[in-house]
C-alpha cells in the first residue's frame, strides 16, 4: 500500500503532467529565414533572454484566453503579453509560415490572422490597447459531414503543426503586429467554453502598397455569445460562422504547405522609419511546391528550444529563396476522435500529440475525470 509520501508524489506528478500542453508558436519563417518567437518553456526562466520577434506572455502552461476575458487586454496578444523587442521584415505579397510546437487533434476550430499598424515608432513600444486589427486570413470548417468535423486546426496539424499566411500585396509599408490565432471549440457548446490562443509578432512590411485598413480594437474583436464562439461542433454541419470582423479587400487565401528553413535570421530592432515604397514590392508571393525541399525541414513540432537571436544570418545579404513543401494527407498520423461531451461534462479533456513533454493547463486538469469518451 503506497505511503502518504508516495501518494503525495504521485499526485504532484499527475498534476505536473496535467498542466496544459496545447500549443504556442516557436518561430516564424519568411522566405527561408527563421525568426525566433517567444518560447514559453524556456525564455521566461532566462536571466538574459535573446531578442525575438514574438510577444512574451505569462501563459507558460500553454493555456488559453476564455470568452469571459474577451473584454480585457489578455485577448489582444495572450495573457499579460508584452511587446517583442525585435521585428522581422517581409514584403507585401509574401507568405509567413508560423510553426507551432504542437496542437492536439481534439482542439478543433478556426485559424485566423490579423494585422494592426504600429505607426512610425514601431511595434517594440506600441501600446497594445491602441492596436486596431484588420483580418487578412481566416479558415474554419472544412468538412462537417461527420461529427465533430474537420476544421482548419486539423489542416494545421497535417501541415506539421504550422500555418501559412499571406501579407496582402496592397498593404502600405510600415510596422505591423501580426496576430495569429487558433480558437478551440471542443467545449464551445457551453457558455465560456471556447478557448482562444492568440500569438503576436512584430513585422516591418515593405513594398508599394497604399492600403492601411482602420481595424478593430483587440478587446472588441469577439463577444462571448458570438455565433462562432458559443458553438457546438458535435453535430453534422454544413457551415461554421467564423467570428471576428470581415476579411479586408485584397486578402487572399494561400495553399497550405510547410516552409523549409535555409537560415537563422537575427531580429531587427528600432522603428524610426520603414522601408520606402518601391516600384516593385518584390513580393513574388511564395507558394507551396509539391517537390520535396533539399534544405533543412521546418523545426519539429516538439522542439521547444528557441533559436539563438544572436546568430548571424546567411553570409549573403540577399533574401533566401522561398522553399515550400506541400502538406500531404498522411503528414500526420490519424488521431482518436473525441465524442460529444455527455450531459454534465465540461469536455475540456485534451490529448496532446507531444511524446516527450506532456503538459496540460489547470482548466483541463479539472475536467480530466469528466472528459468525453474517446472512440478508437
Protein backbone atom coordinates (compact mmCIF):
# COMPACT_ATOMS: atom_id res chain seq x y z
CA UNK A 1 0.00 0.00 0.00
CA UNK A 2 1.52 3.36 -1.01
CA UNK A 3 2.65 5.60 1.81
CA UNK A 4 1.37 9.13 2.30
CA UNK A 5 4.61 10.46 0.80
CA UNK A 6 4.28 8.22 -2.23
CA UNK A 7 0.68 9.29 -2.72
CA UNK A 8 1.71 12.93 -2.48
CA UNK A 9 4.47 12.48 -5.05
CA UNK A 10 2.14 10.62 -7.40
CA UNK A 11 -0.46 13.35 -7.05
CA UNK A 12 2.12 16.04 -7.75
CA UNK A 13 3.40 14.14 -10.77
CA UNK A 14 -0.10 13.70 -12.14
CA UNK A 15 -0.70 17.39 -11.65
CA UNK A 16 2.51 18.28 -13.47
CA UNK A 17 1.59 16.04 -16.38
CA UNK A 18 -1.89 17.51 -16.33
CA UNK A 19 -0.69 21.08 -16.64
CA UNK A 20 -1.65 22.30 -20.07
CA UNK A 21 0.10 21.45 -23.30
CA UNK A 22 -1.90 22.92 -26.09
CA UNK A 23 0.49 24.99 -28.09
CA UNK A 24 2.35 28.17 -28.90
CA UNK A 25 4.29 29.42 -31.93
CA UNK A 26 8.00 28.75 -31.53
CA UNK A 27 9.19 30.55 -34.65
CA UNK A 28 8.17 32.08 -37.95
CA UNK A 29 9.78 31.55 -41.36
CA UNK A 30 9.90 34.19 -44.10
CA UNK A 31 11.47 33.26 -47.45
CA UNK A 32 13.52 30.55 -45.78
CA UNK A 33 14.77 32.78 -42.94
CA UNK A 34 13.74 31.62 -39.48
CA UNK A 35 12.96 34.18 -36.75
CA UNK A 36 12.57 33.09 -33.13
CA UNK A 37 9.21 33.56 -31.47
CA UNK A 38 8.60 33.55 -27.73
CA UNK A 39 9.18 30.06 -26.33
CA UNK A 40 7.12 29.93 -23.13
CA UNK A 41 9.01 26.86 -21.93
CA UNK A 42 12.46 28.48 -21.83
CA UNK A 43 12.51 32.28 -22.19
CA UNK A 44 10.56 33.16 -19.00
CA UNK A 45 13.31 31.46 -17.00
CA UNK A 46 16.27 33.01 -18.80
CA UNK A 47 18.28 35.67 -16.98
CA UNK A 48 19.36 37.16 -20.30
CA UNK A 49 16.71 36.28 -22.90
CA UNK A 50 17.52 36.91 -26.57
CA UNK A 51 15.74 39.46 -28.73
CA UNK A 52 12.88 37.73 -30.54
CA UNK A 53 10.01 38.79 -32.80
CA UNK A 54 7.25 37.11 -30.77
CA UNK A 55 5.44 38.90 -27.96
CA UNK A 56 6.04 37.49 -24.48
CA UNK A 57 3.26 36.02 -22.36
CA UNK A 58 2.83 34.56 -18.89
CA UNK A 59 0.89 31.60 -20.32
CA UNK A 60 3.74 29.21 -19.53
CA UNK A 61 1.22 26.37 -19.29
CA UNK A 62 0.34 26.78 -22.99
CA UNK A 63 -3.03 27.96 -21.71
CA UNK A 64 -5.81 29.95 -23.33
CA UNK A 65 -7.95 33.06 -23.05
CA UNK A 66 -11.58 32.30 -22.18
CA UNK A 67 -14.60 34.23 -23.51
CA UNK A 68 -15.12 35.94 -20.15
CA UNK A 69 -11.79 37.73 -20.79
CA UNK A 70 -12.64 38.97 -24.30
CA UNK A 71 -13.04 42.50 -22.98
CA UNK A 72 -9.60 42.52 -21.33
CA UNK A 73 -6.11 43.13 -22.69
CA UNK A 74 -5.34 39.39 -22.46
CA UNK A 75 -7.26 38.67 -25.66
CA UNK A 76 -5.02 41.02 -27.67
CA UNK A 77 -1.77 39.02 -27.68
CA UNK A 78 -2.38 36.46 -24.88
CA UNK A 79 -2.08 36.67 -21.10
CA UNK A 80 -0.06 39.63 -19.80
CA UNK A 81 1.56 39.94 -23.24
CA UNK A 82 4.42 42.38 -23.67
CA UNK A 83 5.98 43.78 -26.83
CA UNK A 84 8.64 41.79 -28.61
CA UNK A 85 11.93 43.70 -28.73
CA UNK A 86 12.65 42.85 -32.36
CA UNK A 87 10.85 42.53 -35.68
CA UNK A 88 11.04 40.61 -38.93
CA UNK A 89 10.99 42.17 -42.40
CA UNK A 90 8.55 40.88 -45.03
CA UNK A 91 7.48 42.16 -48.44
CA UNK A 92 3.78 42.70 -49.08
CA UNK A 93 2.62 39.71 -51.09
CA UNK A 94 4.98 37.28 -49.39
CA UNK A 95 3.88 34.46 -47.09
CA UNK A 96 4.83 33.80 -43.46
CA UNK A 97 4.99 30.29 -42.01
CA UNK A 98 4.09 30.06 -38.32
CA UNK A 99 5.46 26.97 -36.60
CA UNK A 100 3.53 25.76 -33.54
CA UNK A 101 5.30 23.46 -31.09
CA UNK A 102 2.27 21.15 -31.04
CA UNK A 103 -1.51 21.12 -31.33
CA UNK A 104 -3.96 18.48 -30.01
CA UNK A 105 -6.35 16.92 -32.51
CA UNK A 106 -9.30 17.28 -30.14
CA UNK A 107 -8.99 21.08 -30.09
CA UNK A 108 -10.82 21.74 -33.34
CA UNK A 109 -11.58 25.21 -34.62
CA UNK A 110 -10.71 28.07 -36.97
CA UNK A 111 -7.33 29.65 -37.69
CA UNK A 112 -7.48 33.45 -38.03
CA UNK A 113 -4.86 36.10 -38.84
CA UNK A 114 -4.90 39.87 -38.35
CA UNK A 115 -2.56 42.83 -38.85
CA UNK A 116 -2.51 46.08 -36.88
CA UNK A 117 -0.43 49.16 -37.70
CA UNK A 118 2.03 50.29 -35.02
CA UNK A 119 2.69 53.71 -36.54
CA UNK A 120 6.11 55.13 -37.38
CA UNK A 121 7.58 54.44 -33.91
CA UNK A 122 7.46 50.70 -34.48
CA UNK A 123 5.88 47.81 -32.63
CA UNK A 124 8.53 47.45 -29.94
CA UNK A 125 6.96 50.28 -27.93
CA UNK A 126 3.36 50.49 -29.13
CA UNK A 127 0.56 50.35 -26.54
CA UNK A 128 -1.26 47.09 -27.27
CA UNK A 129 -4.59 48.52 -26.16
CA UNK A 130 -4.40 51.03 -29.04
CA UNK A 131 -3.79 48.46 -31.77
CA UNK A 132 -6.61 48.13 -34.31
CA UNK A 133 -6.64 44.79 -36.08
CA UNK A 134 -7.90 44.04 -39.58
CA UNK A 135 -8.40 40.47 -40.74
CA UNK A 136 -6.17 39.21 -43.55
CA UNK A 137 -6.87 35.47 -43.39
CA UNK A 138 -9.41 33.03 -42.00
CA UNK A 139 -10.34 29.38 -42.37
CA UNK A 140 -12.93 27.43 -40.42
CA UNK A 141 -14.97 24.33 -41.25
CA UNK A 142 -13.52 22.13 -43.99
CA UNK A 143 -15.85 19.12 -43.77
CA UNK A 144 -18.82 18.91 -41.41
CA UNK A 145 -20.40 15.75 -42.80
CA UNK A 146 -19.49 13.78 -39.69
CA UNK A 147 -19.14 14.82 -36.06
CA UNK A 148 -17.03 16.56 -34.84
CA UNK A 149 -15.98 17.63 -38.33
CA UNK A 150 -12.72 18.73 -39.92
CA UNK A 151 -11.51 22.27 -39.27
CA UNK A 152 -8.57 24.50 -40.10
CA UNK A 153 -6.85 23.27 -36.94
CA UNK A 154 -6.81 19.76 -38.44
CA UNK A 155 -5.14 21.11 -41.56
CA UNK A 156 -2.58 22.86 -39.37
CA UNK A 157 -1.74 19.53 -37.70
CA UNK A 158 -1.36 17.79 -41.08
CA UNK A 159 0.89 20.67 -42.07
CA UNK A 160 3.45 19.78 -39.40
CA UNK A 161 1.73 21.97 -36.79
CA UNK A 162 2.30 25.01 -38.99
CA UNK A 163 0.31 27.60 -40.92
CA UNK A 164 1.00 29.84 -43.90
CA UNK A 165 -0.48 33.33 -44.11
CA UNK A 166 -0.01 35.80 -46.95
CA UNK A 167 0.57 39.51 -46.34
CA UNK A 168 -1.77 41.25 -48.82
CA UNK A 169 0.08 42.95 -51.69
CA UNK A 170 -1.98 46.11 -51.16
CA UNK A 171 -0.73 46.75 -47.60
CA UNK A 172 1.09 50.05 -47.11
CA UNK A 173 4.74 49.78 -46.00
CA UNK A 174 5.23 50.20 -42.27
CA UNK A 175 5.36 48.43 -38.93
CA UNK A 176 2.61 45.97 -38.02
CA UNK A 177 1.72 43.41 -35.38
CA UNK A 178 0.67 40.08 -36.86
CA UNK A 179 -1.97 38.48 -34.63
CA UNK A 180 -2.25 34.74 -35.38
CA UNK A 181 -4.90 32.74 -33.53
CA UNK A 182 -6.49 29.33 -33.15
CA UNK A 183 -9.89 29.12 -31.45
CA UNK A 184 -10.50 25.67 -29.91
CA UNK A 185 -14.18 24.71 -29.88
CA UNK A 186 -14.11 21.26 -28.25
CA UNK A 187 -16.05 22.79 -25.32
CA UNK A 188 -17.61 25.64 -27.31
CA UNK A 189 -21.12 24.28 -26.96
CA UNK A 190 -21.29 25.55 -23.39
CA UNK A 191 -21.06 29.08 -22.06
CA UNK A 192 -17.46 30.28 -21.62
CA UNK A 193 -16.22 27.02 -23.13
CA UNK A 194 -14.33 28.26 -26.20
CA UNK A 195 -10.56 28.65 -25.91
CA UNK A 196 -8.61 31.38 -27.75
CA UNK A 197 -4.87 31.09 -28.35
CA UNK A 198 -3.66 34.44 -29.75
CA UNK A 199 0.01 34.81 -30.75
CA UNK A 200 1.59 38.13 -31.78
CA UNK A 201 4.67 39.01 -33.86
CA UNK A 202 6.33 42.26 -34.92
CA UNK A 203 6.73 42.86 -38.65
CA UNK A 204 8.12 45.52 -40.94
CA UNK A 205 6.22 45.36 -44.23
CA UNK A 206 7.91 46.66 -47.37
CA UNK A 207 6.58 47.20 -50.87
CA UNK A 208 4.50 49.69 -52.82
CA UNK A 209 1.03 49.11 -51.37
CA UNK A 210 -1.15 52.01 -50.29
CA UNK A 211 -3.81 50.41 -48.10
CA UNK A 212 -3.92 50.59 -44.31
CA UNK A 213 -7.39 49.48 -43.15
CA UNK A 214 -8.82 51.02 -39.99
CA UNK A 215 -9.28 47.82 -37.99
CA UNK A 216 -10.90 46.91 -34.67
CA UNK A 217 -9.52 47.14 -31.14
CA UNK A 218 -8.42 43.75 -29.82
CA UNK A 219 -10.85 43.94 -26.92
CA UNK A 220 -13.72 44.36 -29.39
CA UNK A 221 -12.92 41.51 -31.80
CA UNK A 222 -15.25 38.98 -30.18
CA UNK A 223 -18.21 38.61 -27.84
CA UNK A 224 -18.76 35.57 -25.63
CA UNK A 225 -22.07 34.80 -27.33
CA UNK A 226 -20.90 35.24 -30.93
CA UNK A 227 -22.25 32.50 -33.18
CA UNK A 228 -18.76 31.19 -33.91
CA UNK A 229 -17.69 31.27 -30.23
CA UNK A 230 -20.67 29.66 -28.48
CA UNK A 231 -20.80 26.79 -30.94
CA UNK A 232 -21.36 23.03 -30.73
CA UNK A 233 -19.09 21.06 -33.06
CA UNK A 234 -20.56 17.69 -32.09
CA UNK A 235 -23.18 17.53 -34.82
CA UNK A 236 -23.32 17.35 -38.60
CA UNK A 237 -22.72 20.81 -40.05
CA UNK A 238 -22.76 22.48 -43.44
CA UNK A 239 -21.36 25.84 -42.35
CA UNK A 240 -19.48 27.49 -39.50
CA UNK A 241 -19.66 31.25 -38.83
CA UNK A 242 -16.04 32.36 -38.36
CA UNK A 243 -16.03 35.02 -35.62
CA UNK A 244 -14.49 38.47 -35.80
CA UNK A 245 -14.55 41.27 -38.40
CA UNK A 246 -14.85 40.55 -42.11
CA UNK A 247 -11.80 39.96 -44.27
CA UNK A 248 -10.35 43.11 -45.80
CA UNK A 249 -10.47 43.70 -49.54
CA UNK A 250 -7.30 42.31 -51.07
CA UNK A 251 -6.98 39.41 -48.64
CA UNK A 252 -6.36 36.09 -50.33
CA UNK A 253 -6.01 32.50 -49.21
CA UNK A 254 -2.76 30.62 -49.71
CA UNK A 255 -2.31 26.92 -50.37
CA UNK A 256 -1.05 25.40 -47.16
CA UNK A 257 2.38 23.81 -47.07
CA UNK A 258 5.48 23.63 -44.88
CA UNK A 259 8.35 26.08 -45.24
CA UNK A 260 11.94 24.84 -45.27
CA UNK A 261 14.49 26.78 -43.22
CA UNK A 262 17.54 27.99 -45.14
CA UNK A 263 18.99 30.31 -42.49
CA UNK A 264 18.50 31.68 -38.99
CA UNK A 265 17.71 35.39 -39.04
CA UNK A 266 18.61 37.97 -36.41
CA UNK A 267 15.59 40.11 -35.46
CA UNK A 268 15.81 43.76 -36.47
CA UNK A 269 15.38 46.48 -33.86
CA UNK A 270 14.24 50.09 -33.95
CA UNK A 271 11.33 51.59 -35.79
CA UNK A 272 12.16 55.13 -36.85
CA UNK A 273 11.24 54.53 -40.47
CA UNK A 274 10.01 51.66 -42.57
CA UNK A 275 11.41 50.93 -46.00
CA UNK A 276 10.24 53.45 -48.57
CA UNK A 277 7.70 52.28 -51.15
CA UNK A 278 9.35 50.77 -54.19
CA UNK A 279 8.23 50.37 -57.75
CA UNK A 280 8.32 46.61 -57.31
CA UNK A 281 7.27 45.19 -53.97
CA UNK A 282 9.32 42.09 -54.69
CA UNK A 283 6.56 40.00 -53.21
CA UNK A 284 6.54 37.19 -55.70
CA UNK A 285 4.02 35.61 -53.32
CA UNK A 286 5.73 32.38 -52.42
CA UNK A 287 3.52 29.37 -52.99
CA UNK A 288 3.96 25.80 -51.78
CA UNK A 289 5.59 23.31 -54.11
CA UNK A 290 4.88 19.62 -54.30
CA UNK A 291 8.59 18.90 -54.72
CA UNK A 292 10.45 17.97 -51.53
CA UNK A 293 12.92 20.59 -50.38
CA UNK A 294 16.58 19.70 -50.23
CA UNK A 295 17.20 22.09 -47.38
CA UNK A 296 16.63 21.54 -43.69
CA UNK A 297 12.98 20.94 -42.88
CA UNK A 298 10.97 23.17 -40.59
CA UNK A 299 11.57 22.56 -36.88
CA UNK A 300 9.81 19.55 -35.41
CA UNK A 301 6.58 20.23 -33.58
CA UNK A 302 8.02 19.11 -30.28
CA UNK A 303 11.03 21.39 -30.48
CA UNK A 304 10.80 23.97 -27.74
CA UNK A 305 14.26 25.44 -27.93
CA UNK A 306 14.22 28.99 -29.22
CA UNK A 307 16.87 29.69 -31.87
CA UNK A 308 19.67 31.95 -30.65
CA UNK A 309 18.79 35.50 -31.55
CA UNK A 310 22.45 36.44 -31.80
CA UNK A 311 23.23 34.05 -34.63
CA UNK A 312 24.11 35.88 -37.81
CA UNK A 313 22.03 35.41 -40.96
CA UNK A 314 23.38 33.62 -44.02
CA UNK A 315 26.53 35.11 -45.50
CA UNK A 316 24.66 36.74 -48.36
CA UNK A 317 22.51 39.76 -47.63
CA UNK A 318 20.08 38.71 -50.31
CA UNK A 319 16.84 37.18 -49.06
CA UNK A 320 16.91 33.37 -49.26
CA UNK A 321 14.84 31.78 -51.99
CA UNK A 322 11.48 30.73 -50.51
CA UNK A 323 11.07 26.97 -50.39
CA UNK A 324 7.69 25.45 -49.62
CA UNK A 325 6.69 21.83 -49.45
CA UNK A 326 3.04 20.90 -49.85
CA UNK A 327 1.47 19.08 -46.94
CA UNK A 328 0.32 15.57 -47.72
CA UNK A 329 -2.70 13.78 -46.42
CA UNK A 330 -0.56 11.38 -44.43
CA UNK A 331 1.65 14.09 -42.90
CA UNK A 332 0.08 13.42 -39.54
CA UNK A 333 -0.98 10.07 -38.16
CA UNK A 334 -4.69 9.62 -37.60
CA UNK A 335 -5.76 10.60 -34.13
CA UNK A 336 -8.59 9.27 -31.96
CA UNK A 337 -11.84 11.12 -32.49
CA UNK A 338 -13.32 12.80 -29.46
CA UNK A 339 -17.02 12.12 -28.98
CA UNK A 340 -19.52 14.75 -27.95
CA UNK A 341 -19.41 15.60 -24.25
CA UNK A 342 -22.09 13.83 -22.25
CA UNK A 343 -24.53 15.76 -20.10
CA UNK A 344 -22.76 17.34 -17.19
CA UNK A 345 -19.35 17.01 -18.82
CA UNK A 346 -17.28 20.08 -19.47
CA UNK A 347 -15.48 18.30 -22.33
CA UNK A 348 -12.23 20.05 -21.71
CA UNK A 349 -10.05 16.93 -21.72
CA UNK A 350 -7.23 17.34 -24.19
CA UNK A 351 -4.96 14.87 -25.91
CA UNK A 352 -1.62 16.40 -26.74
CA UNK A 353 0.45 14.99 -29.57
CA UNK A 354 3.69 15.65 -27.72
CA UNK A 355 5.57 12.49 -26.80
CA UNK A 356 8.22 13.89 -24.51
CA UNK A 357 6.85 16.99 -22.82
CA UNK A 358 3.20 16.47 -21.92
CA UNK A 359 1.60 19.39 -20.19
CA UNK A 360 -1.99 20.42 -19.70
CA UNK A 361 -3.34 23.57 -18.13
CA UNK A 362 -5.26 23.66 -14.89
CA UNK A 363 -8.63 24.06 -16.58
CA UNK A 364 -8.20 20.75 -18.41
CA UNK A 365 -6.92 19.06 -15.23
CA UNK A 366 -10.22 19.86 -13.59
CA UNK A 367 -12.05 18.20 -16.45
CA UNK A 368 -9.95 15.04 -16.64
CA UNK A 369 -12.43 12.90 -14.72
CA UNK A 370 -15.39 14.12 -16.73
CA UNK A 371 -13.85 14.20 -20.20
CA UNK A 372 -15.86 12.77 -23.13
CA UNK A 373 -15.31 9.16 -24.16
CA UNK A 374 -12.67 8.68 -26.84
CA UNK A 375 -13.54 6.43 -29.77
CA UNK A 376 -10.71 4.49 -31.29
